[in-house]
Protein backbone atom coordinates (compact mmCIF):
# COMPACT_ATOMS: atom_id res chain seq x y z
CA LEU A 1 0.06 -0.62 -0.04
CA PHE A 2 1.45 3.22 -1.18
CA ASP A 3 -0.07 6.82 -1.64
CA PHE A 4 3.14 8.59 -2.81
CA PHE A 5 1.10 11.52 -0.85
CA ASP A 6 -1.18 12.09 -3.38
CA PRO A 7 -4.60 13.02 -1.98
CA ILE A 8 -6.39 10.99 -4.87
CA LYS A 9 -4.00 7.93 -4.52
CA ALA A 10 -4.60 7.71 -0.87
CA GLU A 11 -8.32 7.53 -1.91
CA GLU A 12 -7.60 5.13 -4.27
CA MET A 13 -5.88 2.68 -1.94
CA LYS A 14 -8.07 2.96 0.51
CA SER A 15 -10.72 1.52 -1.42
CA ASN A 16 -8.94 -1.39 -3.34
CA CYS A 17 -7.60 -1.55 0.25
CA ASN A 18 -11.76 -1.97 1.87
CA TYR A 19 -12.40 -4.02 -1.76
CA ALA A 20 -9.82 -6.99 -0.67
CA VAL A 21 -10.80 -6.95 2.89
CA GLU A 22 -14.25 -8.11 2.28
CA ASN A 23 -13.10 -9.87 -0.88
CA ILE A 24 -11.03 -12.14 -0.06
CA ASN A 25 -11.98 -15.21 1.85
CA VAL A 26 -8.97 -16.23 4.33
CA SER A 27 -9.24 -19.90 5.06
CA GLN A 28 -6.34 -22.29 6.23
CA ASN A 29 -4.84 -21.95 3.51
CA ASN A 30 -4.93 -17.77 2.84
CA SER A 31 -4.43 -15.03 4.98
CA LEU A 32 -4.84 -11.58 4.96
CA THR A 33 -2.51 -8.82 5.51
CA LEU A 34 -2.17 -5.16 4.79
CA ALA A 35 0.80 -4.63 3.19
CA ALA A 36 2.13 -0.72 4.05
CA HIS A 37 4.97 -0.09 2.50
CA SER A 38 6.79 2.25 4.17
CA ILE A 39 6.80 5.26 6.69
CA TYR A 40 7.84 7.50 3.11
CA THR A 41 5.97 6.22 0.41
CA LEU A 42 2.97 6.56 2.71
CA SER A 43 1.32 10.25 4.11
CA LYS A 44 0.50 9.88 8.34
CA GLU A 45 -2.91 9.98 7.74
CA SER A 46 -2.78 7.13 5.33
CA LEU A 47 -0.31 5.41 7.95
CA GLN A 48 -3.64 6.25 10.91
CA TRP A 49 -6.00 4.50 8.30
CA ILE A 50 -4.41 1.30 7.67
CA ALA A 51 -3.56 1.43 11.72
CA HIS A 52 -7.47 1.50 12.39
CA LEU A 53 -8.32 -0.41 9.67
CA ALA A 54 -6.39 -3.30 11.18
CA LYS A 55 -7.15 -3.40 14.48
CA SER A 56 -11.29 -2.68 13.66
CA LYS A 57 -10.81 -6.49 10.89
CA ASN A 58 -7.63 -8.02 13.32
CA ILE A 59 -5.13 -7.95 10.77
CA PRO A 60 -1.49 -8.04 10.47
CA VAL A 61 0.51 -5.55 9.22
CA HIS A 62 3.36 -5.32 7.26
CA ILE A 63 5.66 -2.25 6.69
CA HIS A 64 9.14 -1.57 6.04
CA LEU A 65 11.41 0.23 8.95
CA SER A 66 14.09 1.88 9.71
CA GLU A 67 15.88 0.09 6.60
CA THR A 68 18.59 3.40 5.98
CA GLY A 69 19.76 6.03 7.93
CA ASN A 70 18.51 7.90 4.75
CA GLU A 71 14.46 7.20 6.11
CA VAL A 72 15.56 8.16 9.34
CA ASN A 73 16.66 11.35 8.32
CA GLU A 74 14.34 12.06 6.65
CA CYS A 75 11.24 11.53 9.74
CA ILE A 76 13.12 13.21 11.74
CA SER A 77 13.23 15.92 8.93
CA LYS A 78 10.04 16.13 8.28
CA TYR A 79 7.90 14.47 11.50
CA GLY A 80 9.76 15.77 14.33
CA VAL A 81 10.65 12.22 15.83
CA ARG A 82 12.01 8.46 14.53
CA PRO A 83 10.31 5.61 12.47
CA VAL A 84 9.08 3.26 15.80
CA GLU A 85 7.69 7.07 17.70
CA LEU A 86 6.13 8.05 14.72
CA LEU A 87 4.96 5.09 14.13
CA LYS A 88 3.05 4.67 17.96
CA LYS A 89 1.79 8.79 17.10
CA THR A 90 0.41 7.01 13.68
CA GLY A 91 -1.39 3.59 15.38
CA LEU A 92 0.39 1.27 13.93
CA LEU A 93 2.08 0.07 16.29
CA ASP A 94 0.77 -2.83 18.69
CA THR A 95 0.62 -6.39 18.27
CA HIS A 96 0.33 -7.02 15.31
CA LEU A 97 2.62 -4.59 13.66
CA ILE A 98 5.04 -6.90 11.41
CA ALA A 99 8.52 -4.58 10.66
CA ALA A 100 10.59 -5.12 7.73
CA HIS A 101 15.07 -4.59 8.30
CA THR A 102 14.65 -2.37 11.65
CA ILE A 103 18.63 -1.94 11.65
CA TRP A 104 18.63 1.67 11.43
CA LEU A 105 17.30 1.42 15.82
CA ASP A 106 18.69 3.30 18.73
CA ASP A 107 17.65 1.43 22.33
CA HIS A 108 14.80 3.77 23.24
CA GLU A 109 13.03 2.13 19.98
CA ILE A 110 14.04 -0.81 20.80
CA ASP A 111 12.17 -0.63 23.60
CA LEU A 112 9.26 0.73 22.56
CA LEU A 113 9.31 -2.86 19.68
CA ALA A 114 9.27 -4.97 22.64
CA GLU A 115 6.02 -3.07 25.04
CA TYR A 116 4.82 -2.79 22.00
CA ASN A 117 5.11 -6.55 21.02
CA VAL A 118 6.02 -5.87 17.63
CA THR A 119 7.46 -8.54 15.40
CA VAL A 120 10.34 -7.48 13.39
CA VAL A 121 11.55 -9.44 10.03
CA HIS A 122 15.34 -9.68 9.89
CA ASN A 123 16.66 -9.42 5.70
CA PRO A 124 19.78 -10.26 5.49
CA VAL A 125 20.92 -11.05 2.44
CA SER A 126 18.80 -7.91 0.89
CA ASN A 127 19.99 -5.79 3.71
CA MET A 128 23.93 -6.26 1.32
CA LYS A 129 22.71 -6.29 -1.58
CA ILE A 130 21.19 -2.95 -1.19
CA SER A 131 24.51 -1.90 1.25
CA THR A 132 21.57 -0.01 3.92
CA GLY A 133 25.04 0.13 6.11
CA GLY A 134 23.85 -0.88 8.97
CA VAL A 135 23.32 -4.52 10.45
CA PHE A 136 19.89 -5.61 11.94
CA PRO A 137 21.06 -5.16 16.06
CA TYR A 138 20.36 -8.61 17.09
CA GLN A 139 21.54 -8.97 19.80
CA LYS A 140 19.74 -5.33 21.53
CA LEU A 141 16.04 -7.10 20.19
CA LYS A 142 17.31 -10.84 21.32
CA GLU A 143 18.18 -9.19 24.87
CA LYS A 144 14.39 -7.60 25.21
CA ASN A 145 12.51 -10.57 23.80
CA ILE A 146 11.13 -9.36 20.44
CA LYS A 147 10.01 -11.75 18.40
CA MET A 148 12.55 -12.07 15.35
CA MET A 149 11.67 -13.33 11.62
CA LEU A 150 13.48 -14.29 8.97
CA GLY A 151 12.88 -13.12 5.32
CA THR A 152 14.10 -12.96 1.77
CA ASP A 153 12.31 -9.23 0.74
CA SER A 154 12.06 -9.19 -2.94
CA CYS A 155 13.41 -10.37 -5.70
CA ALA A 156 14.64 -7.33 -6.93
CA SER A 157 16.97 -7.00 -4.21
CA ASN A 158 17.26 -10.79 -3.22
CA ASN A 159 17.11 -12.98 -7.04
CA ASN A 160 16.38 -16.17 -5.57
CA LEU A 161 15.27 -16.06 -2.47
CA ASP A 162 16.74 -18.92 -0.87
CA MET A 163 15.62 -19.55 2.62
CA PHE A 164 18.33 -21.72 3.32
CA GLU A 165 20.67 -19.27 1.75
CA ASP A 166 18.74 -16.43 4.02
CA MET A 167 19.58 -18.96 6.72
CA LYS A 168 23.37 -19.43 6.95
CA ILE A 169 24.31 -16.08 5.81
CA ALA A 170 22.23 -14.36 8.81
CA THR A 171 24.81 -16.17 11.65
CA LEU A 172 27.47 -15.86 9.74
CA LEU A 173 26.90 -11.73 9.47
CA HIS A 174 26.85 -11.56 12.83
CA LYS A 175 29.00 -13.39 13.76
CA PHE A 176 31.60 -11.83 11.93
CA HIS A 177 29.81 -8.20 12.36
CA ASN A 178 30.20 -9.47 16.39
CA ASN A 179 34.25 -11.43 16.92
CA ASP A 180 32.28 -13.65 18.32
CA PRO A 181 31.78 -17.71 16.63
CA GLU A 182 28.95 -18.12 19.61
CA ILE A 183 26.90 -15.70 18.09
CA MET A 184 22.72 -16.31 16.33
CA LYS A 185 23.66 -20.52 16.25
CA ALA A 186 22.32 -22.56 13.95
CA GLU A 187 19.72 -24.09 16.30
CA GLU A 188 18.61 -19.83 17.30
CA ILE A 189 18.31 -18.89 12.97
CA PHE A 190 16.48 -22.21 12.17
CA ASP A 191 13.64 -21.47 15.31
CA ILE A 192 14.28 -18.22 13.74
CA ALA A 193 12.94 -19.18 9.88
CA THR A 194 10.82 -21.82 10.44
CA GLY A 195 8.14 -19.12 13.12
CA THR A 196 9.12 -20.22 15.90
CA GLU A 197 9.71 -17.90 18.33
CA ALA A 198 6.59 -14.99 16.30
CA SER A 199 3.18 -16.64 16.26
CA ILE A 200 1.96 -13.63 14.56
CA PHE A 201 -0.14 -15.66 11.45
CA PRO A 202 -2.32 -17.80 13.84
CA GLN A 203 -3.08 -20.49 11.45
CA LEU A 204 0.46 -21.55 10.21
CA SER A 205 2.42 -23.48 12.72
CA SER A 206 6.22 -24.34 13.01
CA LYS A 207 5.35 -27.81 14.32
CA ILE A 208 4.65 -31.28 12.99
CA GLU A 209 1.88 -32.79 15.63
CA VAL A 210 -1.53 -34.19 16.07
CA GLY A 211 -4.07 -31.12 15.53
CA ALA A 212 -1.68 -28.66 13.48
CA HIS A 213 -1.75 -28.09 9.94
CA ALA A 214 0.31 -30.67 8.13
CA ASP A 215 2.24 -28.17 6.43
CA CYS A 216 6.09 -29.71 6.25
CA LEU A 217 9.11 -30.08 4.29
CA LEU A 218 10.62 -33.53 2.85
CA LEU A 219 14.45 -33.72 1.93
CA ASP A 220 16.64 -35.95 0.07
CA GLN A 221 19.00 -36.57 2.80
CA ASN A 222 21.19 -38.50 -0.03
CA THR A 223 21.87 -35.09 -1.18
CA PRO A 224 25.70 -34.03 -1.04
CA ALA A 225 25.16 -31.69 1.10
CA LEU A 226 23.24 -33.37 3.50
CA VAL A 227 25.87 -35.72 4.19
CA PRO A 228 27.13 -36.90 6.24
CA SER A 229 24.40 -36.10 8.90
CA HIS A 230 26.09 -35.88 12.78
CA ASN A 231 23.82 -32.81 13.25
CA ILE A 232 20.54 -32.32 11.20
CA THR A 233 20.26 -28.10 11.48
CA SER A 234 23.61 -27.75 11.25
CA ASN A 235 23.25 -29.14 8.05
CA LEU A 236 20.06 -27.47 6.94
CA VAL A 237 21.66 -24.07 7.93
CA TYR A 238 25.49 -23.81 6.87
CA SER A 239 25.10 -26.93 4.17
CA ALA A 240 21.80 -26.85 2.69
CA ASN A 241 19.99 -24.61 -0.20
CA GLY A 242 16.40 -25.92 -1.84
CA SER A 243 17.19 -28.22 -4.12
CA CYS A 244 17.99 -30.23 -1.37
CA VAL A 245 13.76 -30.13 -0.89
CA ASP A 246 12.40 -33.04 -2.73
CA THR A 247 8.12 -32.33 -1.51
CA VAL A 248 6.68 -29.39 -0.73
CA ILE A 249 3.24 -30.51 1.44
CA CYS A 250 0.61 -27.63 2.19
CA ASN A 251 -2.17 -28.53 4.45
CA GLY A 252 -2.03 -31.88 3.66
CA GLU A 253 -2.10 -31.27 0.01
CA VAL A 254 1.44 -32.07 -1.76
CA LEU A 255 2.17 -29.38 -4.17
CA MET A 256 5.66 -30.92 -4.95
CA GLU A 257 6.64 -34.36 -5.29
CA ASN A 258 10.08 -35.26 -7.31
CA ARG A 259 10.99 -31.80 -7.63
CA LYS A 260 8.21 -31.09 -9.90
CA ILE A 261 5.59 -28.64 -9.36
CA LYS A 262 1.48 -29.13 -11.27
CA ASP A 263 2.21 -27.10 -14.95
CA GLU A 264 5.26 -26.53 -14.25
CA GLU A 265 6.65 -26.39 -17.87
CA GLU A 266 3.54 -23.77 -18.70
CA ILE A 267 4.32 -22.37 -16.00
CA LEU A 268 8.48 -20.93 -16.67
CA ASN A 269 7.43 -20.78 -20.34
CA GLN A 270 4.64 -18.31 -19.30
CA VAL A 271 7.26 -16.65 -16.92
CA ARG A 272 9.95 -16.64 -20.09
CA SER A 273 7.02 -14.85 -22.33
CA ILE A 274 6.16 -11.80 -20.08
CA SER A 275 9.66 -11.79 -19.05
CA ASN A 276 10.81 -10.80 -22.73
CA LYS A 277 7.89 -8.34 -23.12
CA LEU A 278 9.06 -6.74 -19.54
CA PHE A 279 12.69 -6.38 -20.55
């Protein structure tokens, strides 16, 4: 969602958003989240409107937050407060908020994120590719028990969107940055990546147990990256990649098996055709 500070675009955004909220069928396989792009593409009034809609409909909100130093400086110049404080003023800062990046935070902002039970998303590959100029403050966020998730951001800033690679790069980044090989161990980043640390989507489960949705990946343990298997979690974080996944099951439905999905060739041909027209 964005309005680029244009009142006409803001009204169009509200109309489209209301239509989506009323017509998208939320189920075990489908969830609805309001994607407020950022404080630099949305007016303060639109941020307030989104906050009100989210609370009235009990819908999570996703936003890019404090991704770059310029974003922070422009926010202070325009509103007189830092980005997290601006979200507090607009009503967006609450337990339904998912904040991506959250790199350029001061200690007070971290305290606010903890106070309002906000979920933050670490995007290590994207952050490095576009050179955000800072590092996700993992240790400080962890000390405040702030819920964390792992993200890839978009293909524009991450390309292959491989969650296995992002796990590895995240843990290596923080070990290097802090000069400490014990920081963000494999078990920690695996829990963050699989949603164990954040349950903002109640219809999802990171556990395989009776009553949970049958959502799981089956990996080929004969893949060279997973041999030998002295520590499966370590292998998944430091050795595996998306090509190790053999089968994907969502709510009991097999979406991929033997690394093939339904109509795969047709999908690839359509992507090639559309890409050729665009570029």
